[in-house]
Protein backbone atom coordinates (compact mmCIF):
# COMPACT_ATOMS: atom_id res chain seq x y z
CA UNK A 1 7.50 8.55 -16.59
CA UNK A 2 9.65 6.50 -18.99
CA UNK A 3 11.63 3.40 -18.25
CA UNK A 4 14.74 5.45 -17.44
CA UNK A 5 12.77 7.44 -14.85
CA UNK A 6 11.48 4.73 -12.53
CA UNK A 7 13.05 6.39 -9.48
CA UNK A 8 10.39 8.26 -7.43
CA UNK A 9 10.92 11.62 -5.59
CA UNK A 10 13.05 11.27 -2.45
CA UNK A 11 11.33 11.23 0.91
CA UNK A 12 11.20 14.65 2.31
CA UNK A 13 12.53 13.64 5.81
CA UNK A 14 9.07 12.45 6.89
CA UNK A 15 10.37 9.89 9.40
CA UNK A 16 11.17 12.13 12.29
CA UNK A 17 8.96 12.20 15.36
CA UNK A 18 8.56 16.00 15.07
CA UNK A 19 7.49 15.67 11.45
CA UNK A 20 5.00 12.98 12.31
CA UNK A 21 3.48 15.17 15.13
CA UNK A 22 2.79 18.13 12.90
CA UNK A 23 1.86 16.29 9.71
CA UNK A 24 -1.36 14.56 10.94
CA UNK A 25 -2.88 15.89 14.07
CA UNK A 26 -2.31 18.79 16.44
CA UNK A 27 -3.39 17.04 19.48
CA UNK A 28 -4.62 13.58 20.76
CA UNK A 29 -8.26 14.79 21.05
CA UNK A 30 -8.50 15.64 17.39
CA UNK A 31 -6.80 12.30 16.49
CA UNK A 32 -9.31 10.32 18.61
CA UNK A 33 -12.33 12.17 17.11
CA UNK A 34 -11.05 11.52 13.64
CA UNK A 35 -10.63 7.78 14.11
CA UNK A 36 -13.91 7.28 15.92
CA UNK A 37 -15.70 9.10 13.16
CA UNK A 38 -13.72 7.19 10.49
CA UNK A 39 -14.74 3.87 11.97
CA UNK A 40 -18.41 5.01 12.32
CA UNK A 41 -18.38 4.48 16.07
CA UNK A 42 -20.57 6.48 18.47
CA UNK A 43 -18.97 7.28 21.81
CA UNK A 44 -21.25 4.66 23.32
CA UNK A 45 -20.13 1.95 20.94
CA UNK A 46 -16.45 2.82 21.46
CA UNK A 47 -17.07 2.60 25.24
CA UNK A 48 -18.51 -0.88 24.78
CA UNK A 49 -15.63 -2.05 22.60
CA UNK A 50 -12.83 -0.59 24.60
CA UNK A 51 -14.34 -1.02 28.13
CA UNK A 52 -13.65 2.66 28.82
CA UNK A 53 -16.53 4.84 30.14
CA UNK A 54 -18.43 6.92 27.69
CA UNK A 55 -17.88 9.94 30.03
CA UNK A 56 -14.16 9.40 29.95
CA UNK A 57 -14.15 9.12 26.11
CA UNK A 58 -16.13 12.36 25.95
CA UNK A 59 -13.60 14.18 28.19
CA UNK A 60 -10.73 12.82 26.07
CA UNK A 61 -12.37 14.10 22.91
CA UNK A 62 -12.90 17.49 24.41
CA UNK A 63 -9.41 17.77 25.91
CA UNK A 64 -10.69 17.88 29.48
CA UNK A 65 -8.84 14.63 30.27
CA UNK A 66 -5.35 13.49 29.22
CA UNK A 67 -4.86 9.81 28.17
CA UNK A 68 -2.27 7.47 29.64
CA UNK A 69 0.03 5.52 27.18
CA UNK A 70 -1.81 2.30 28.04
CA UNK A 71 -5.22 3.91 27.27
CA UNK A 72 -4.07 5.17 23.89
CA UNK A 73 -2.89 1.64 23.00
CA UNK A 74 -6.15 0.23 24.14
CA UNK A 75 -8.20 2.64 22.02
CA UNK A 76 -5.88 1.98 19.06
CA UNK A 77 -6.81 -1.73 19.26
CA UNK A 78 -10.46 -1.09 19.66
CA UNK A 79 -10.53 1.25 16.63
CA UNK A 80 -8.21 -1.01 14.63
CA UNK A 81 -5.91 2.04 13.89
CA UNK A 82 -2.81 1.31 11.78
CA UNK A 83 0.38 1.01 13.84
CA UNK A 84 1.93 4.06 12.24
CA UNK A 85 -1.02 6.14 13.31
CA UNK A 86 -0.99 4.74 16.84
CA UNK A 87 2.54 6.03 17.03
CA UNK A 88 1.31 9.42 15.79
CA UNK A 89 -1.46 9.54 18.59
CA UNK A 90 1.14 8.68 21.17
CA UNK A 91 3.31 11.45 19.95
CA UNK A 92 0.45 13.96 19.93
CA UNK A 93 -0.23 12.99 23.56
CA UNK A 94 3.45 13.50 24.49
CA UNK A 95 4.56 9.92 24.58
CA UNK A 96 7.31 7.97 22.71
CA UNK A 97 6.18 5.70 19.89
CA UNK A 98 5.31 2.18 20.82
CA UNK A 99 6.03 0.39 17.61
CA UNK A 100 9.41 0.27 15.85
CA UNK A 101 9.85 0.94 12.14
CA UNK A 102 12.84 -1.02 10.92
CA UNK A 103 14.19 -1.75 7.44
CA UNK A 104 13.48 -5.19 6.10
CA UNK A 105 17.23 -5.85 6.01
CA UNK A 106 17.40 -5.42 9.90
CA UNK A 107 18.60 -8.76 11.40
CA UNK A 108 15.56 -8.81 13.75
CA UNK A 109 13.30 -9.02 10.69
CA UNK A 110 15.30 -11.90 9.12
CA UNK A 111 12.46 -14.39 9.72
CA UNK A 112 10.00 -12.07 7.91
CA UNK A 113 12.39 -11.61 4.97
CA UNK A 114 12.79 -15.43 4.77
CA UNK A 115 8.97 -15.84 4.75
CA UNK A 116 8.62 -13.29 1.97
CA UNK A 117 11.28 -14.96 -0.07
CA UNK A 118 9.43 -18.28 0.36
CA UNK A 119 6.11 -16.78 -0.80
CA UNK A 120 7.61 -15.07 -3.81
CA UNK A 121 9.28 -18.30 -4.88
CA UNK A 122 6.13 -20.29 -4.46
CA UNK A 123 4.30 -18.02 -6.71
CA UNK A 124 6.53 -18.74 -9.73
CA UNK A 125 6.09 -19.07 -12.67
CA UNK A 126 3.68 -16.13 -12.06
CA UNK A 127 4.62 -12.71 -10.88
CA UNK A 128 4.58 -11.54 -7.33
CA UNK A 129 5.62 -8.23 -5.73
CA UNK A 130 6.19 -6.96 -2.17
CA UNK A 131 5.32 -3.24 -1.79
CA UNK A 132 4.97 -0.84 1.15
CA UNK A 133 1.88 1.08 1.99
CA UNK A 134 2.57 3.64 -0.73
CA UNK A 135 3.25 0.93 -3.28
CA UNK A 136 6.94 1.43 -3.46
CA UNK A 137 8.59 -1.80 -4.67
CA UNK A 138 10.33 -3.66 -2.00
CA UNK A 139 10.83 -7.12 -3.38
CA UNK A 140 9.95 -9.09 -6.62
CA UNK A 141 10.20 -12.60 -7.84
CA UNK A 142 11.86 -13.51 -11.18
CA UNK A 143 8.64 -13.68 -13.27
CA UNK A 144 7.61 -10.08 -11.99
CA UNK A 145 10.95 -8.65 -12.83
CA UNK A 146 10.86 -10.34 -16.24
CA UNK A 147 7.36 -8.90 -16.94
CA UNK A 148 8.30 -5.38 -15.84
CA UNK A 149 11.50 -5.41 -17.97
CA UNK A 150 9.44 -6.69 -20.91
CA UNK A 151 6.71 -3.93 -20.53
CA UNK A 152 9.33 -1.21 -20.13
CA UNK A 153 11.72 -2.46 -22.92
CA UNK A 154 14.59 -2.91 -20.45
CA UNK A 155 17.54 -5.28 -21.13
CA UNK A 156 16.89 -8.72 -19.73
CA UNK A 157 20.07 -8.51 -17.70
CA UNK A 158 19.24 -5.17 -16.10
CA UNK A 159 18.36 -5.60 -12.42
CA UNK A 160 15.36 -3.64 -11.15
CA UNK A 161 16.25 -0.81 -8.67
CA UNK A 162 15.78 -1.99 -5.05
CA UNK A 163 14.57 1.44 -4.04
CA UNK A 164 12.58 4.26 -5.45
CA UNK A 165 10.31 2.35 -7.89
CA UNK A 166 6.61 3.13 -7.30
CA UNK A 167 4.34 0.52 -8.74
CA UNK A 168 1.30 2.72 -8.97
CA UNK A 169 3.18 5.31 -10.98
CA UNK A 170 4.60 2.55 -13.28
CA UNK A 171 1.01 1.25 -13.84
CA UNK A 172 -0.77 4.53 -14.39
CA UNK A 173 1.76 6.67 -16.21
CA UNK A 174 0.87 6.83 -20.00
CA UNK A 175 4.58 6.60 -20.82
CA UNK A 176 5.23 3.47 -18.77
CA UNK A 177 3.00 0.30 -18.37
CA UNK A 178 -0.32 2.05 -18.97
CA UNK A 179 0.25 2.24 -22.70
CA UNK A 180 0.06 -1.57 -22.82
CA UNK A 181 -2.79 -1.89 -20.40
CA UNK A 182 -5.95 -2.17 -22.49
CA UNK A 183 -8.52 -1.61 -19.70
CA UNK A 184 -6.43 0.97 -17.73
CA UNK A 185 -9.45 3.09 -17.07
CA UNK A 186 -11.01 0.20 -14.93
CA UNK A 187 -7.78 -0.73 -13.35
CA UNK A 188 -6.87 2.87 -12.36
CA UNK A 189 -10.02 3.10 -10.17
CA UNK A 190 -8.98 -0.09 -8.36
CA UNK A 191 -5.35 0.88 -7.88
CA UNK A 192 -6.24 4.45 -6.67
CA UNK A 193 -8.53 2.81 -4.02
CA UNK A 194 -5.45 1.50 -2.10
CA UNK A 195 -3.73 4.93 -1.92
CA UNK A 196 -6.97 6.76 -1.08
CA UNK A 197 -7.25 4.52 1.98
CA UNK A 198 -3.70 5.62 3.08
CA UNK A 199 -4.48 9.18 2.37
CA UNK A 200 -7.55 9.18 4.49
CA UNK A 201 -5.61 7.62 7.35
CA UNK A 202 -2.68 10.00 7.14
CA UNK A 203 -4.54 13.28 6.63
CA UNK A 204 -3.36 16.60 5.09
CA UNK A 205 0.29 17.16 4.35
CA UNK A 206 1.23 13.42 4.36
CA UNK A 207 3.24 11.49 1.72
CA UNK A 208 0.14 9.54 0.87
CA UNK A 209 -1.81 12.72 0.00
CA UNK A 210 1.17 13.95 -2.13
CA UNK A 211 1.27 10.62 -3.99
CA UNK A 212 -2.51 10.65 -4.58
CA UNK A 213 -2.22 14.12 -6.04
CA UNK A 214 0.51 13.12 -8.35
CA UNK A 215 -1.40 10.10 -9.52
CA UNK A 216 -4.62 11.97 -10.18
CA UNK A 217 -2.71 14.65 -12.01
CA UNK A 218 -1.59 12.05 -14.62
CA UNK A 219 -3.33 12.44 -17.98
CA UNK A 220 -6.81 10.91 -18.11
CA UNK A 221 -6.72 9.50 -14.53
CA UNK A 222 -9.17 11.83 -12.92
CA UNK A 223 -11.75 11.46 -15.66
CA UNK A 224 -11.34 7.66 -15.83
CA UNK A 225 -12.05 7.28 -12.06
CA UNK A 226 -15.17 9.36 -12.23
CA UNK A 227 -16.70 7.34 -15.05
CA UNK A 228 -18.82 4.34 -14.02
CA UNK A 229 -17.99 1.02 -15.67
CA UNK A 230 -21.21 -0.06 -17.48
CA UNK A 231 -19.70 -3.24 -18.71
CA UNK A 232 -21.26 -5.67 -16.31
CA UNK A 233 -18.97 -8.67 -16.73
CA UNK A 234 -19.64 -11.93 -15.06
CA UNK A 235 -16.14 -12.45 -13.90
CA UNK A 236 -15.72 -12.39 -10.05
CA UNK A 237 -12.56 -10.28 -10.46
CA UNK A 238 -11.26 -7.33 -12.39
CA UNK A 239 -8.98 -8.50 -15.16
CA UNK A 240 -5.84 -6.69 -16.08
CA UNK A 241 -5.46 -7.07 -19.85
CA UNK A 242 -1.98 -6.34 -21.32
CA UNK A 243 -1.11 -6.21 -25.03
CA UNK A 244 2.42 -5.86 -26.32
CA UNK A 245 4.23 -7.16 -29.33
CA UNK A 246 1.40 -9.31 -30.36
CA UNK A 247 1.04 -10.97 -26.99
CA UNK A 248 -2.10 -10.49 -24.87
CA UNK A 249 -2.05 -11.33 -21.27
CA UNK A 250 -5.10 -11.61 -19.00
CA UNK A 251 -4.29 -11.39 -15.31
CA UNK A 252 -5.89 -10.83 -11.95
CA UNK A 253 -4.28 -10.12 -8.64
CA UNK A 254 -4.63 -10.81 -4.94
CA UNK A 255 -3.28 -8.74 -2.07
CA UNK A 256 -2.07 -10.28 1.14
CA UNK A 257 -0.61 -8.81 4.34
CA UNK A 258 1.44 -10.21 7.17
CA UNK A 259 -0.58 -11.43 10.19
CA UNK A 260 -0.49 -9.78 13.61
CA UNK A 261 2.68 -7.81 13.13
CA UNK A 262 4.24 -5.62 15.80
CA UNK A 263 6.54 -3.52 13.65
CA UNK A 264 5.34 -0.69 11.46
CA UNK A 265 7.39 -1.80 8.47
CA UNK A 266 6.01 -5.30 8.54
CA UNK A 267 2.43 -4.08 9.26
CA UNK A 268 2.43 -2.01 6.05
CA UNK A 269 3.90 -4.56 3.60
CA UNK A 270 1.56 -5.90 0.89
CA UNK A 271 2.22 -9.01 -1.16
CA UNK A 272 0.59 -8.70 -4.57
CA UNK A 273 0.34 -11.93 -6.50
CA UNK A 274 -0.62 -12.16 -10.15
CA UNK A 275 -2.59 -15.04 -11.57
CA UNK A 276 -3.50 -16.00 -15.19
CA UNK A 277 -7.08 -15.51 -16.06
CA UNK A 278 -6.88 -17.78 -19.15
CA UNK A 279 -4.80 -20.78 -20.43
CA UNK A 280 -2.87 -18.66 -23.01
CA UNK A 281 -1.56 -16.41 -20.27
CA UNK A 282 -0.59 -19.32 -18.13
CA UNK A 283 1.25 -20.88 -21.01
CA UNK A 284 3.13 -17.58 -21.70
CA UNK A 285 4.51 -17.52 -18.17
CA UNK A 286 5.30 -21.22 -17.99
CA UNK A 287 7.20 -20.96 -21.22
CA UNK A 288 9.60 -18.52 -19.48
CA UNK A 289 10.23 -20.77 -16.50
CA UNK A 290 12.29 -21.46 -14.51
CA UNK A 291 12.00 -18.11 -12.97
CA UNK A 292 15.01 -15.87 -12.18
CA UNK A 293 15.91 -15.51 -8.50
CA UNK A 294 13.74 -12.98 -6.54
CA UNK A 295 14.97 -9.37 -6.66
């Protein structure tokens, strides 16, 4: 994917209730068995955690009993199921979703948007991004936009698209940022870990599975992720080493989420902050301050 092809494939209408029902589980019993197994819970442990009798859980998993809406939400909390998947379980049992999924531009999410703007601004002069669960770019601060333009040879005045840019694709495609990423083999395994978690949650036929397949199909990615890293470095983090135009940057990142959200969109946001791993990298970003406004 070149710099002129930053737009990802359009969503295939996956937001409808009917689509959600058929994309993940055929019935509530299958969904409950899946999540209990995924969390490594026995029926006895789930009974203790949820205060629901083991007998009733057994009946729910066999389809002999039908759950109430309140019971599904209780099990979702006990199993720490993502909000999107709790909605899926409700749909599978014949109930309406409990959690809304709104755009970040919705007036009711104005406080969240303000908090994100604040966090992005505080990270300057170092980059920070806000992405959704599939690592589509939602927001960026000035240093992040500057770094992406520099790596993709884009004009300094060109704004980044607000929709359709997938950060994982940009990082792993050999025609985009990967060609400047010296340790891309190590980085790719860490990056794929995030989307693999989403794919395991969503199951067959989901957008996460489709994205994972696209990423693994990129040249060299599958082989790189199957090769153990024998370079046992002492650093307590995985550095990201970028080299371009005689400049070498050493960075590491942290991932943060919003606490106790009750909206699917907010629950799935990730704030990725980049930090310099050496003095030279810090100086390179500081020399380009003050940062441009967040995008």
